[in-house]
Amino acid sequence: LVNDADAMRALAGQVAARLHAGDVIV
């Protein structure tokens, strides 16, 4: 559960740490 914009950006940062070239997020 993401309650606010800061939490959404933090979640995105966690996802970014796992990305590789060519990955797609929908």
PDB file of all heavy atoms in Angstrom:
ATOM      1  N   LEU A   1       0.844  -1.186   0.000  1.00  0.00           N
ATOM      2  CA  LEU A   1       0.000   0.000   0.000  1.00  0.00           C
ATOM      3  C   LEU A   1       0.882   1.239   0.000  1.00  0.00           C
ATOM      4  O   LEU A   1       1.804   1.356   0.801  1.00  0.00           O
ATOM      5  CB  LEU A   1      -0.899   0.001   1.244  1.00  0.00           C
ATOM      6  CG  LEU A   1      -1.854   1.176   1.387  1.00  0.00           C
ATOM      7  CD1 LEU A   1      -2.823   1.219   0.213  1.00  0.00           C
ATOM      8  CD2 LEU A   1      -2.616   1.066   2.693  1.00  0.00           C
ATOM      9  N   VAL A   2       0.589   2.145  -0.912  1.00  0.00           N
ATOM     10  CA  VAL A   2       1.337   3.399  -1.026  1.00  0.00           C
ATOM     11  C   VAL A   2       0.372   4.528  -0.705  1.00  0.00           C
ATOM     12  O   VAL A   2      -0.620   4.712  -1.408  1.00  0.00           O
ATOM     13  CB  VAL A   2       1.931   3.559  -2.435  1.00  0.00           C
ATOM     14  CG1 VAL A   2       2.655   4.869  -2.570  1.00  0.00           C
ATOM     15  CG2 VAL A   2       2.863   2.394  -2.750  1.00  0.00           C
ATOM     16  N   ASN A   3       0.666   5.282   0.355  1.00  0.00           N
ATOM     17  CA  ASN A   3      -0.285   6.280   0.844  1.00  0.00           C
ATOM     18  C   ASN A   3      -0.072   7.697   0.337  1.00  0.00           C
ATOM     19  O   ASN A   3      -0.965   8.521   0.460  1.00  0.00           O
ATOM     20  CB  ASN A   3      -0.260   6.306   2.382  1.00  0.00           C
ATOM     21  CG  ASN A   3      -0.825   5.026   2.960  1.00  0.00           C
ATOM     22  OD1 ASN A   3      -1.812   4.512   2.467  1.00  0.00           O
ATOM     23  ND2 ASN A   3      -0.189   4.515   3.988  1.00  0.00           N
ATOM     24  N   ASP A   4       1.116   8.010  -0.178  1.00  0.00           N
ATOM     25  CA  ASP A   4       1.353   9.382  -0.622  1.00  0.00           C
ATOM     26  C   ASP A   4       2.442   9.414  -1.690  1.00  0.00           C
ATOM     27  O   ASP A   4       3.044   8.389  -2.016  1.00  0.00           O
ATOM     28  CB  ASP A   4       1.707  10.291   0.561  1.00  0.00           C
ATOM     29  CG  ASP A   4       2.935   9.845   1.328  1.00  0.00           C
ATOM     30  OD1 ASP A   4       3.861   9.257   0.725  1.00  0.00           O
ATOM     31  OD2 ASP A   4       2.982  10.085   2.545  1.00  0.00           O
ATOM     32  N   ALA A   5       2.674  10.601  -2.246  1.00  0.00           N
ATOM     33  CA  ALA A   5       3.625  10.753  -3.346  1.00  0.00           C
ATOM     34  C   ALA A   5       5.042  10.373  -2.937  1.00  0.00           C
ATOM     35  O   ALA A   5       5.769   9.746  -3.721  1.00  0.00           O
ATOM     36  CB  ALA A   5       3.586  12.196  -3.863  1.00  0.00           C
ATOM     37  N   ASP A   6       5.451  10.713  -1.721  1.00  0.00           N
ATOM     38  CA  ASP A   6       6.800  10.352  -1.273  1.00  0.00           C
ATOM     39  C   ASP A   6       6.967   8.837  -1.211  1.00  0.00           C
ATOM     40  O   ASP A   6       8.008   8.307  -1.598  1.00  0.00           O
ATOM     41  CB  ASP A   6       7.100  10.972   0.089  1.00  0.00           C
ATOM     42  CG  ASP A   6       7.287  12.482   0.013  1.00  0.00           C
ATOM     43  OD1 ASP A   6       7.616  12.982  -1.089  1.00  0.00           O
ATOM     44  OD2 ASP A   6       7.105  13.147   1.047  1.00  0.00           O
ATOM     45  N   ALA A   7       5.945   8.137  -0.736  1.00  0.00           N
ATOM     46  CA  ALA A   7       6.002   6.676  -0.676  1.00  0.00           C
ATOM     47  C   ALA A   7       6.031   6.072  -2.079  1.00  0.00           C
ATOM     48  O   ALA A   7       6.706   5.071  -2.317  1.00  0.00           O
ATOM     49  CB  ALA A   7       4.826   6.129   0.125  1.00  0.00           C
ATOM     50  N   MET A   8       5.310   6.691  -3.021  1.00  0.00           N
ATOM     51  CA  MET A   8       5.309   6.205  -4.406  1.00  0.00           C
ATOM     52  C   MET A   8       6.697   6.376  -5.021  1.00  0.00           C
ATOM     53  O   MET A   8       7.205   5.469  -5.695  1.00  0.00           O
ATOM     54  CB  MET A   8       4.256   6.946  -5.233  1.00  0.00           C
ATOM     55  CG  MET A   8       4.135   6.455  -6.662  1.00  0.00           C
ATOM     56  SD  MET A   8       3.545   4.755  -6.795  1.00  0.00           S
ATOM     57  CE  MET A   8       1.788   5.008  -6.601  1.00  0.00           C
ATOM     58  N   ARG A   9       7.316   7.528  -4.787  1.00  0.00           N
ATOM     59  CA  ARG A   9       8.678   7.753  -5.303  1.00  0.00           C
ATOM     60  C   ARG A   9       9.674   6.784  -4.665  1.00  0.00           C
ATOM     61  O   ARG A   9      10.581   6.287  -5.334  1.00  0.00           O
ATOM     62  CB  ARG A   9       9.092   9.201  -5.073  1.00  0.00           C
ATOM     63  CG  ARG A   9       8.372  10.181  -5.978  1.00  0.00           C
ATOM     64  CD  ARG A   9       8.897  11.611  -5.809  1.00  0.00           C
ATOM     65  NE  ARG A   9       8.012  12.534  -6.468  1.00  0.00           N
ATOM     66  CZ  ARG A   9       7.040  13.224  -5.849  1.00  0.00           C
ATOM     67  NH1 ARG A   9       6.860  13.125  -4.545  1.00  0.00           N
ATOM     68  NH2 ARG A   9       6.263  14.033  -6.530  1.00  0.00           N
ATOM     69  N   ALA A  10       9.504   6.502  -3.372  1.00  0.00           N
ATOM     70  CA  ALA A  10      10.381   5.560  -2.681  1.00  0.00           C
ATOM     71  C   ALA A  10      10.223   4.149  -3.269  1.00  0.00           C
ATOM     72  O   ALA A  10      11.219   3.437  -3.476  1.00  0.00           O
ATOM     73  CB  ALA A  10      10.098   5.555  -1.185  1.00  0.00           C
ATOM     74  N   LEU A  11       8.988   3.753  -3.547  1.00  0.00           N
ATOM     75  CA  LEU A  11       8.741   2.458  -4.168  1.00  0.00           C
ATOM     76  C   LEU A  11       9.432   2.386  -5.531  1.00  0.00           C
ATOM     77  O   LEU A  11      10.078   1.394  -5.866  1.00  0.00           O
ATOM     78  CB  LEU A  11       7.236   2.214  -4.317  1.00  0.00           C
ATOM     79  CG  LEU A  11       6.841   0.962  -5.101  1.00  0.00           C
ATOM     80  CD1 LEU A  11       7.337  -0.302  -4.412  1.00  0.00           C
ATOM     81  CD2 LEU A  11       5.323   0.933  -5.283  1.00  0.00           C
ATOM     82  N   ALA A  12       9.310   3.449  -6.304  1.00  0.00           N
ATOM     83  CA  ALA A  12       9.950   3.499  -7.623  1.00  0.00           C
ATOM     84  C   ALA A  12      11.470   3.372  -7.487  1.00  0.00           C
ATOM     85  O   ALA A  12      12.114   2.719  -8.311  1.00  0.00           O
ATOM     86  CB  ALA A  12       9.586   4.793  -8.335  1.00  0.00           C
ATOM     87  N   GLY A  13      12.033   3.981  -6.460  1.00  0.00           N
ATOM     88  CA  GLY A  13      13.467   3.859  -6.229  1.00  0.00           C
ATOM     89  C   GLY A  13      13.874   2.430  -5.944  1.00  0.00           C
ATOM     90  O   GLY A  13      14.924   1.965  -6.409  1.00  0.00           O
ATOM     91  N   GLN A  14      13.053   1.703  -5.207  1.00  0.00           N
ATOM     92  CA  GLN A  14      13.328   0.290  -4.926  1.00  0.00           C
ATOM     93  C   GLN A  14      13.267  -0.536  -6.210  1.00  0.00           C
ATOM     94  O   GLN A  14      14.084  -1.432  -6.422  1.00  0.00           O
ATOM     95  CB  GLN A  14      12.335  -0.253  -3.901  1.00  0.00           C
ATOM     96  CG  GLN A  14      12.485   0.352  -2.521  1.00  0.00           C
ATOM     97  CD  GLN A  14      11.350  -0.062  -1.593  1.00  0.00           C
ATOM     98  OE1 GLN A  14      10.566  -0.950  -1.888  1.00  0.00           O
ATOM     99  NE2 GLN A  14      11.272   0.601  -0.448  1.00  0.00           N
ATOM    100  N   VAL A  15      12.302  -0.221  -7.061  1.00  0.00           N
ATOM    101  CA  VAL A  15      12.178  -0.926  -8.341  1.00  0.00           C
ATOM    102  C   VAL A  15      13.379  -0.597  -9.230  1.00  0.00           C
ATOM    103  O   VAL A  15      13.955  -1.485  -9.867  1.00  0.00           O
ATOM    104  CB  VAL A  15      10.850  -0.562  -9.042  1.00  0.00           C
ATOM    105  CG1 VAL A  15      10.800  -1.105 -10.464  1.00  0.00           C
ATOM    106  CG2 VAL A  15       9.665  -1.069  -8.228  1.00  0.00           C
ATOM    107  N   ALA A  16      13.781   0.661  -9.266  1.00  0.00           N
ATOM    108  CA  ALA A  16      14.900   1.089 -10.109  1.00  0.00           C
ATOM    109  C   ALA A  16      16.172   0.316  -9.782  1.00  0.00           C
ATOM    110  O   ALA A  16      16.954  -0.009 -10.676  1.00  0.00           O
ATOM    111  CB  ALA A  16      15.139   2.589  -9.955  1.00  0.00           C
ATOM    112  N   ALA A  17      16.369   0.008  -8.524  1.00  0.00           N
ATOM    113  CA  ALA A  17      17.580  -0.707  -8.104  1.00  0.00           C
ATOM    114  C   ALA A  17      17.645  -2.119  -8.683  1.00  0.00           C
ATOM    115  O   ALA A  17      18.716  -2.722  -8.703  1.00  0.00           O
ATOM    116  CB  ALA A  17      17.635  -0.763  -6.576  1.00  0.00           C
ATOM    117  N   ARG A  18      16.511  -2.620  -9.173  1.00  0.00           N
ATOM    118  CA  ARG A  18      16.456  -3.982  -9.710  1.00  0.00           C
ATOM    119  C   ARG A  18      16.397  -4.028 -11.239  1.00  0.00           C
ATOM    120  O   ARG A  18      16.315  -5.119 -11.827  1.00  0.00           O
ATOM    121  CB  ARG A  18      15.249  -4.710  -9.134  1.00  0.00           C
ATOM    122  CG  ARG A  18      15.345  -4.956  -7.644  1.00  0.00           C
ATOM    123  CD  ARG A  18      14.059  -5.554  -7.115  1.00  0.00           C
ATOM    124  NE  ARG A  18      14.184  -6.079  -5.778  1.00  0.00           N
ATOM    125  CZ  ARG A  18      14.154  -5.345  -4.670  1.00  0.00           C
ATOM    126  NH1 ARG A  18      14.029  -4.031  -4.751  1.00  0.00           N
ATOM    127  NH2 ARG A  18      14.260  -5.906  -3.489  1.00  0.00           N
ATOM    128  N   LEU A  19      16.398  -2.880 -11.887  1.00  0.00           N
ATOM    129  CA  LEU A  19      16.216  -2.837 -13.338  1.00  0.00           C
ATOM    130  C   LEU A  19      17.504  -3.103 -14.105  1.00  0.00           C
ATOM    131  O   LEU A  19      18.599  -2.811 -13.636  1.00  0.00           O
ATOM    132  CB  LEU A  19      15.670  -1.470 -13.759  1.00  0.00           C
ATOM    133  CG  LEU A  19      14.249  -1.156 -13.323  1.00  0.00           C
ATOM    134  CD1 LEU A  19      13.863   0.246 -13.782  1.00  0.00           C
ATOM    135  CD2 LEU A  19      13.272  -2.187 -13.863  1.00  0.00           C
ATOM    136  N   HIS A  20      17.301  -3.648 -15.305  1.00  0.00           N
ATOM    137  CA  HIS A  20      18.385  -3.879 -16.260  1.00  0.00           C
ATOM    138  C   HIS A  20      17.957  -3.275 -17.592  1.00  0.00           C
ATOM    139  O   HIS A  20      16.756  -3.101 -17.849  1.00  0.00           O
ATOM    140  CB  HIS A  20      18.631  -5.371 -16.437  1.00  0.00           C
ATOM    141  CG  HIS A  20      19.024  -6.057 -15.170  1.00  0.00           C
ATOM    142  ND1 HIS A  20      18.110  -6.611 -14.310  1.00  0.00           N
ATOM    143  CD2 HIS A  20      20.239  -6.247 -14.602  1.00  0.00           C
ATOM    144  CE1 HIS A  20      18.734  -7.131 -13.274  1.00  0.00           C
ATOM    145  NE2 HIS A  20      20.030  -6.921 -13.422  1.00  0.00           N
ATOM    146  N   ALA A  21      18.914  -2.982 -18.448  1.00  0.00           N
ATOM    147  CA  ALA A  21      18.607  -2.445 -19.772  1.00  0.00           C
ATOM    148  C   ALA A  21      17.605  -3.355 -20.477  1.00  0.00           C
ATOM    149  O   ALA A  21      17.748  -4.575 -20.463  1.00  0.00           O
ATOM    150  CB  ALA A  21      19.876  -2.317 -20.593  1.00  0.00           C
ATOM    151  N   GLY A  22      16.571  -2.756 -21.037  1.00  0.00           N
ATOM    152  CA  GLY A  22      15.554  -3.498 -21.772  1.00  0.00           C
ATOM    153  C   GLY A  22      14.343  -3.898 -20.952  1.00  0.00           C
ATOM    154  O   GLY A  22      13.358  -4.370 -21.508  1.00  0.00           O
ATOM    155  N   ASP A  23      14.405  -3.733 -19.640  1.00  0.00           N
ATOM    156  CA  ASP A  23      13.248  -4.060 -18.805  1.00  0.00           C
ATOM    157  C   ASP A  23      12.091  -3.117 -19.115  1.00  0.00           C
ATOM    158  O   ASP A  23      12.303  -1.956 -19.464  1.00  0.00           O
ATOM    159  CB  ASP A  23      13.591  -3.942 -17.313  1.00  0.00           C
ATOM    160  CG  ASP A  23      14.432  -5.104 -16.808  1.00  0.00           C
ATOM    161  OD1 ASP A  23      14.616  -6.094 -17.543  1.00  0.00           O
ATOM    162  OD2 ASP A  23      14.922  -5.011 -15.667  1.00  0.00           O
ATOM    163  N   VAL A  24      10.882  -3.621 -18.968  1.00  0.00           N
ATOM    164  CA  VAL A  24       9.669  -2.842 -19.216  1.00  0.00           C
ATOM    165  C   VAL A  24       8.808  -2.874 -17.960  1.00  0.00           C
ATOM    166  O   VAL A  24       8.589  -3.937 -17.384  1.00  0.00           O
ATOM    167  CB  VAL A  24       8.870  -3.413 -20.409  1.00  0.00           C
ATOM    168  CG1 VAL A  24       7.547  -2.680 -20.581  1.00  0.00           C
ATOM    169  CG2 VAL A  24       9.689  -3.371 -21.682  1.00  0.00           C
ATOM    170  N   ILE A  25       8.323  -1.715 -17.564  1.00  0.00           N
ATOM    171  CA  ILE A  25       7.388  -1.605 -16.449  1.00  0.00           C
ATOM    172  C   ILE A  25       6.090  -1.051 -17.019  1.00  0.00           C
ATOM    173  O   ILE A  25       6.104  -0.035 -17.716  1.00  0.00           O
ATOM    174  CB  ILE A  25       7.921  -0.653 -15.360  1.00  0.00           C
ATOM    175  CG1 ILE A  25       9.210  -1.199 -14.780  1.00  0.00           C
ATOM    176  CG2 ILE A  25       6.878  -0.442 -14.273  1.00  0.00           C
ATOM    177  CD1 ILE A  25       9.907  -0.224 -13.853  1.00  0.00           C
ATOM    178  N   VAL A  26       4.983  -1.682 -16.718  1.00  0.00           N
ATOM    179  CA  VAL A  26       3.676  -1.219 -17.174  1.00  0.00           C
ATOM    180  C   VAL A  26       2.870  -0.815 -15.954  1.00  0.00           C
ATOM    181  O   VAL A  26       2.693  -1.603 -15.026  1.00  0.00           O
ATOM    182  CB  VAL A  26       2.932  -2.317 -17.962  1.00  0.00           C
ATOM    183  CG1 VAL A  26       1.549  -1.836 -18.363  1.00  0.00           C
ATOM    184  CG2 VAL A  26       3.736  -2.743 -19.180  1.00  0.00           C
TER     185      VAL A  26
END
